[in-house]
C-alpha atoms as a PDB file:
ATOM      1  CA  MET A   1     -48.165  -2.740  -2.916  1.00  0.00           C
ATOM      2  CA  ALA A   2     -50.282  -3.480  -5.956  1.00  0.00           C
ATOM      3  CA  GLU A   3     -52.048  -6.783  -6.509  1.00  0.00           C
ATOM      4  CA  LYS A   4     -49.807  -9.797  -5.937  1.00  0.00           C
ATOM      5  CA  SER A   5     -48.636 -11.653  -9.026  1.00  0.00           C
ATOM      6  CA  ILE A   6     -48.930 -15.426  -9.293  1.00  0.00           C
ATOM      7  CA  GLN A   7     -45.187 -15.640  -8.536  1.00  0.00           C
ATOM      8  CA  GLU A   8     -45.465 -13.458  -5.405  1.00  0.00           C
ATOM      9  CA  THR A   9     -48.533 -15.395  -4.248  1.00  0.00           C
ATOM     10  CA  TYR A  10     -47.263 -18.953  -4.692  1.00  0.00           C
ATOM     11  CA  ALA A  11     -43.456 -18.642  -4.809  1.00  0.00           C
ATOM     12  CA  PRO A  12     -42.312 -15.557  -2.874  1.00  0.00           C
ATOM     13  CA  ARG A  13     -38.891 -17.115  -2.097  1.00  0.00           C
ATOM     14  CA  LEU A  14     -38.256 -18.343  -5.661  1.00  0.00           C
ATOM     15  CA  ALA A  15     -34.791 -17.326  -6.900  1.00  0.00           C
ATOM     16  CA  CYS A  16     -35.383 -18.017 -10.630  1.00  0.00           C
ATOM     17  CA  PHE A  17     -33.610 -15.472 -12.858  1.00  0.00           C
ATOM     18  CA  GLY A  18     -36.713 -14.863 -14.959  1.00  0.00           C
ATOM     19  CA  CYS A  19     -39.600 -14.940 -12.530  1.00  0.00           C
ATOM     20  CA  GLY A  20     -38.257 -15.228  -9.002  1.00  0.00           C
ATOM     21  CA  PRO A  21     -39.505 -12.491  -6.676  1.00  0.00           C
ATOM     22  CA  ALA A  22     -36.531 -13.218  -4.398  1.00  0.00           C
ATOM     23  CA  ASN A  23     -33.913 -12.652  -7.124  1.00  0.00           C
ATOM     24  CA  GLU A  24     -33.047  -8.956  -6.912  1.00  0.00           C
ATOM     25  CA  LYS A  25     -30.816  -9.214 -10.008  1.00  0.00           C
ATOM     26  CA  GLY A  26     -33.378 -11.184 -12.026  1.00  0.00           C
ATOM     27  CA  LEU A  27     -36.078 -10.080 -14.437  1.00  0.00           C
ATOM     28  CA  GLN A  28     -38.823 -10.426 -11.790  1.00  0.00           C
ATOM     29  CA  ILE A  29     -41.670 -11.123 -14.196  1.00  0.00           C
ATOM     30  CA  ARG A  30     -45.061 -10.550 -12.552  1.00  0.00           C
ATOM     31  CA  SER A  31     -47.770 -12.663 -14.224  1.00  0.00           C
ATOM     32  CA  PHE A  32     -51.514 -12.432 -13.640  1.00  0.00           C
ATOM     33  CA  PRO A  33     -54.268 -14.864 -14.650  1.00  0.00           C
ATOM     34  CA  SER A  34     -56.854 -13.218 -16.896  1.00  0.00           C
ATOM     35  CA  GLY A  35     -59.624 -15.528 -18.039  1.00  0.00           C
ATOM     36  CA  ASP A  36     -58.030 -18.262 -20.155  1.00  0.00           C
ATOM     37  CA  GLU A  37     -54.767 -16.354 -20.485  1.00  0.00           C
ATOM     38  CA  MET A  38     -51.871 -15.242 -18.325  1.00  0.00           C
ATOM     39  CA  MET A  39     -50.786 -11.628 -18.737  1.00  0.00           C
ATOM     40  CA  ALA A  40     -47.681  -9.692 -17.718  1.00  0.00           C
ATOM     41  CA  GLU A  41     -46.187  -6.293 -18.382  1.00  0.00           C
ATOM     42  CA  TRP A  42     -42.430  -5.888 -18.058  1.00  0.00           C
ATOM     43  CA  GLN A  43     -40.194  -2.845 -18.439  1.00  0.00           C
ATOM     44  CA  PRO A  44     -36.883  -3.471 -20.250  1.00  0.00           C
ATOM     45  CA  LYS A  45     -33.688  -1.834 -18.986  1.00  0.00           C
ATOM     46  CA  PRO A  46     -30.677  -0.851 -21.106  1.00  0.00           C
ATOM     47  CA  GLU A  47     -28.611  -3.757 -19.728  1.00  0.00           C
ATOM     48  CA  TYR A  48     -31.062  -6.173 -21.409  1.00  0.00           C
ATOM     49  CA  GLU A  49     -30.527  -4.773 -24.903  1.00  0.00           C
ATOM     50  CA  SER A  50     -28.707  -6.476 -27.749  1.00  0.00           C
ATOM     51  CA  PHE A  51     -28.094  -3.084 -29.306  1.00  0.00           C
ATOM     52  CA  THR A  52     -29.299   0.416 -28.473  1.00  0.00           C
ATOM     53  CA  GLY A  53     -33.053   0.506 -28.182  1.00  0.00           C
ATOM     54  CA  MET A  54     -33.672  -3.206 -28.890  1.00  0.00           C
ATOM     55  CA  LEU A  55     -34.256  -6.045 -26.434  1.00  0.00           C
ATOM     56  CA  SER A  56     -31.906  -9.060 -26.498  1.00  0.00           C
ATOM     57  CA  GLY A  57     -33.291 -12.265 -27.997  1.00  0.00           C
ATOM     58  CA  GLY A  58     -31.957 -14.233 -25.014  1.00  0.00           C
ATOM     59  CA  ILE A  59     -33.898 -12.042 -22.604  1.00  0.00           C
ATOM     60  CA  ILE A  60     -37.002 -12.448 -24.784  1.00  0.00           C
ATOM     61  CA  GLY A  61     -36.570 -16.226 -24.514  1.00  0.00           C
ATOM     62  CA  ALA A  62     -36.254 -16.058 -20.721  1.00  0.00           C
ATOM     63  CA  LEU A  63     -39.336 -13.841 -20.438  1.00  0.00           C
ATOM     64  CA  LEU A  64     -41.472 -16.158 -22.540  1.00  0.00           C
ATOM     65  CA  ASP A  65     -40.133 -19.336 -20.915  1.00  0.00           C
ATOM     66  CA  CYS A  66     -40.920 -18.235 -17.362  1.00  0.00           C
ATOM     67  CA  HIS A  67     -44.213 -16.570 -18.187  1.00  0.00           C
ATOM     68  CA  CYS A  68     -45.452 -19.625 -20.095  1.00  0.00           C
ATOM     69  CA  ASN A  69     -44.314 -21.950 -17.308  1.00  0.00           C
ATOM     70  CA  TRP A  70     -46.585 -20.143 -14.859  1.00  0.00           C
ATOM     71  CA  ILE A  71     -49.747 -20.563 -16.910  1.00  0.00           C
ATOM     72  CA  ALA A  72     -48.908 -24.279 -17.108  1.00  0.00           C
ATOM     73  CA  ALA A  73     -48.604 -24.501 -13.310  1.00  0.00           C
ATOM     74  CA  TRP A  74     -51.791 -22.437 -12.850  1.00  0.00           C
ATOM     75  CA  HIS A  75     -53.687 -24.612 -15.325  1.00  0.00           C
ATOM     76  CA  LEU A  76     -52.617 -27.876 -13.647  1.00  0.00           C
ATOM     77  CA  MET A  77     -53.555 -26.459 -10.247  1.00  0.00           C
ATOM     78  CA  LYS A  78     -57.042 -25.488 -11.412  1.00  0.00           C
ATOM     79  CA  LYS A  79     -57.543 -28.708 -13.372  1.00  0.00           C
ATOM     80  CA  ALA A  80     -56.694 -30.872 -10.328  1.00  0.00           C
ATOM     81  CA  GLY A  81     -58.563 -28.659  -7.839  1.00  0.00           C
ATOM     82  CA  LEU A  82     -55.398 -27.948  -5.839  1.00  0.00           C
ATOM     83  CA  ASP A  83     -54.830 -24.940  -3.595  1.00  0.00           C
ATOM     84  CA  HIS A  84     -51.191 -24.546  -4.700  1.00  0.00           C
ATOM     85  CA  PRO A  85     -49.667 -25.006  -8.159  1.00  0.00           C
ATOM     86  CA  PRO A  86     -47.459 -28.028  -8.750  1.00  0.00           C
ATOM     87  CA  CYS A  87     -43.825 -27.254  -9.521  1.00  0.00           C
ATOM     88  CA  THR A  88     -43.450 -27.265 -13.274  1.00  0.00           C
ATOM     89  CA  VAL A  89     -40.331 -27.164 -15.402  1.00  0.00           C
ATOM     90  CA  THR A  90     -39.659 -26.511 -19.042  1.00  0.00           C
ATOM     91  CA  ALA A  91     -39.224 -29.724 -21.028  1.00  0.00           C
ATOM     92  CA  GLU A  92     -38.946 -27.993 -24.378  1.00  0.00           C
ATOM     93  CA  TYR A  93     -39.598 -24.594 -25.877  1.00  0.00           C
ATOM     94  CA  SER A  94     -38.962 -22.711 -29.066  1.00  0.00           C
ATOM     95  CA  VAL A  95     -39.048 -19.002 -29.708  1.00  0.00           C
ATOM     96  CA  LYS A  96     -39.652 -17.242 -33.006  1.00  0.00           C
ATOM     97  CA  LEU A  97     -38.227 -13.732 -33.137  1.00  0.00           C
ATOM     98  CA  LEU A  98     -40.491 -12.033 -35.670  1.00  0.00           C
ATOM     99  CA  ARG A  99     -39.058  -8.513 -35.558  1.00  0.00           C
ATOM    100  CA  PRO A 100     -36.737  -6.406 -33.403  1.00  0.00           C
ATOM    101  CA  THR A 101     -38.299  -5.639 -30.010  1.00  0.00           C
ATOM    102  CA  PRO A 102     -38.107  -1.989 -28.952  1.00  0.00           C
ATOM    103  CA  SER A 103     -37.019  -1.519 -25.346  1.00  0.00           C
ATOM    104  CA  ASP A 104     -38.217   2.033 -24.754  1.00  0.00           C
ATOM    105  CA  LYS A 105     -41.626   1.059 -23.316  1.00  0.00           C
ATOM    106  CA  PRO A 106     -43.012  -1.886 -21.326  1.00  0.00           C
ATOM    107  CA  VAL A 107     -43.589  -5.110 -23.241  1.00  0.00           C
ATOM    108  CA  GLN A 108     -46.628  -7.321 -22.750  1.00  0.00           C
ATOM    109  CA  LEU A 109     -46.463 -11.089 -22.335  1.00  0.00           C
ATOM    110  CA  VAL A 110     -49.515 -13.202 -23.122  1.00  0.00           C
ATOM    111  CA  SER A 111     -49.763 -16.971 -22.761  1.00  0.00           C
ATOM    112  CA  ARG A 112     -52.519 -19.527 -23.286  1.00  0.00           C
ATOM    113  CA  ILE A 113     -52.972 -23.283 -23.039  1.00  0.00           C
ATOM    114  CA  ALA A 114     -52.872 -25.227 -26.307  1.00  0.00           C
ATOM    115  CA  GLU A 115     -53.130 -28.784 -24.874  1.00  0.00           C
ATOM    116  CA  SER A 116     -52.752 -30.577 -21.551  1.00  0.00           C
ATOM    117  CA  THR A 117     -52.696 -33.921 -19.774  1.00  0.00           C
ATOM    118  CA  ASP A 118     -52.587 -34.585 -16.024  1.00  0.00           C
ATOM    119  CA  ASP A 119     -48.928 -33.524 -15.696  1.00  0.00           C
ATOM    120  CA  ARG A 120     -47.924 -31.929 -19.016  1.00  0.00           C
ATOM    121  CA  VAL A 121     -49.040 -28.723 -20.688  1.00  0.00           C
ATOM    122  CA  ILE A 122     -48.342 -27.274 -24.118  1.00  0.00           C
ATOM    123  CA  VAL A 123     -48.400 -23.486 -23.965  1.00  0.00           C
ATOM    124  CA  GLU A 124     -48.316 -20.806 -26.627  1.00  0.00           C
ATOM    125  CA  GLY A 125     -47.119 -17.326 -25.802  1.00  0.00           C
ATOM    126  CA  GLU A 126     -46.278 -14.023 -27.357  1.00  0.00           C
ATOM    127  CA  LEU A 127     -44.355 -10.881 -26.565  1.00  0.00           C
ATOM    128  CA  VAL A 128     -45.932  -7.631 -27.734  1.00  0.00           C
ATOM    129  CA  ALA A 129     -44.187  -4.256 -27.996  1.00  0.00           C
ATOM    130  CA  HIS A 130     -45.690  -1.081 -29.447  1.00  0.00           C
ATOM    131  CA  ASP A 131     -48.900  -3.070 -30.152  1.00  0.00           C
ATOM    132  CA  ARG A 132     -47.047  -5.511 -32.430  1.00  0.00           C
ATOM    133  CA  VAL A 133     -46.244  -9.165 -31.800  1.00  0.00           C
ATOM    134  CA  CYS A 134     -42.442  -9.257 -31.812  1.00  0.00           C
ATOM    135  CA  ALA A 135     -41.887 -12.851 -30.671  1.00  0.00           C
ATOM    136  CA  THR A 136     -43.865 -16.048 -30.149  1.00  0.00           C
ATOM    137  CA  CYS A 137     -43.165 -19.166 -28.122  1.00  0.00           C
ATOM    138  CA  ARG A 138     -44.461 -22.721 -27.914  1.00  0.00           C
ATOM    139  CA  GLY A 139     -43.344 -24.917 -25.054  1.00  0.00           C
ATOM    140  CA  ILE A 140     -43.959 -28.091 -23.122  1.00  0.00           C
ATOM    141  CA  PHE A 141     -44.052 -27.750 -19.339  1.00  0.00           C
ATOM    142  CA  VAL A 142     -44.137 -30.718 -16.977  1.00  0.00           C
ATOM    143  CA  ALA A 143     -45.111 -31.074 -13.311  1.00  0.00           C
ATOM    144  CA  VAL A 144     -42.168 -32.666 -11.522  1.00  0.00           C
ATOM    145  CA  LYS A 145     -42.382 -35.524  -9.047  1.00  0.00           C
ATOM    146  CA  PRO A 146     -40.599 -36.155  -5.730  1.00  0.00           C
ATOM    147  CA  GLY A 147     -36.887 -36.694  -6.298  1.00  0.00           C
ATOM    148  CA  HIS A 148     -36.615 -34.057  -9.033  1.00  0.00           C
ATOM    149  CA  PRO A 149     -34.333 -31.122  -8.041  1.00  0.00           C
ATOM    150  CA  ALA A 150     -37.140 -28.627  -8.700  1.00  0.00           C
ATOM    151  CA  TYR A 151     -39.742 -30.474  -6.622  1.00  0.00           C
ATOM    152  CA  HIS A 152     -41.136 -28.050  -4.017  1.00  0.00           C
ATOM    153  CA  ARG A 153     -38.917 -25.212  -5.239  1.00  0.00           C
ATOM    154  CA  TRP A 154     -41.804 -22.859  -4.622  1.00  0.00           C
END
């Protein structure tokens, strides 16, 4: 097997639709830290199209949401000197669909930190297809505390 993604490394039993390695019917995003960014490449399938040859906006939102969440968790882990990322959840995110996204080749996901506190991170991300930015995202991701349903989900 190739290099393990951040999801496979820290959350191999995660069942999340977007990024869970354990969800056979999910998107199974595989994200990799790269300097100050998080990178992923993902191959669309016809069942994820909104019309022939173009990726669904809802799938684009799920891709960006999960991918951006993982750079937030990674960032908080590194910032606090932890050996495992805290469980983070999406508090808010918005997606701008700039142009139709072709689904005939893999798309690239790129995310970076815009701002952070001890338990909250603002992330900016983009989805690139055919060397063009097709969608952007900005979201707020929060580390959850004991008692939250997502606490220790990975």
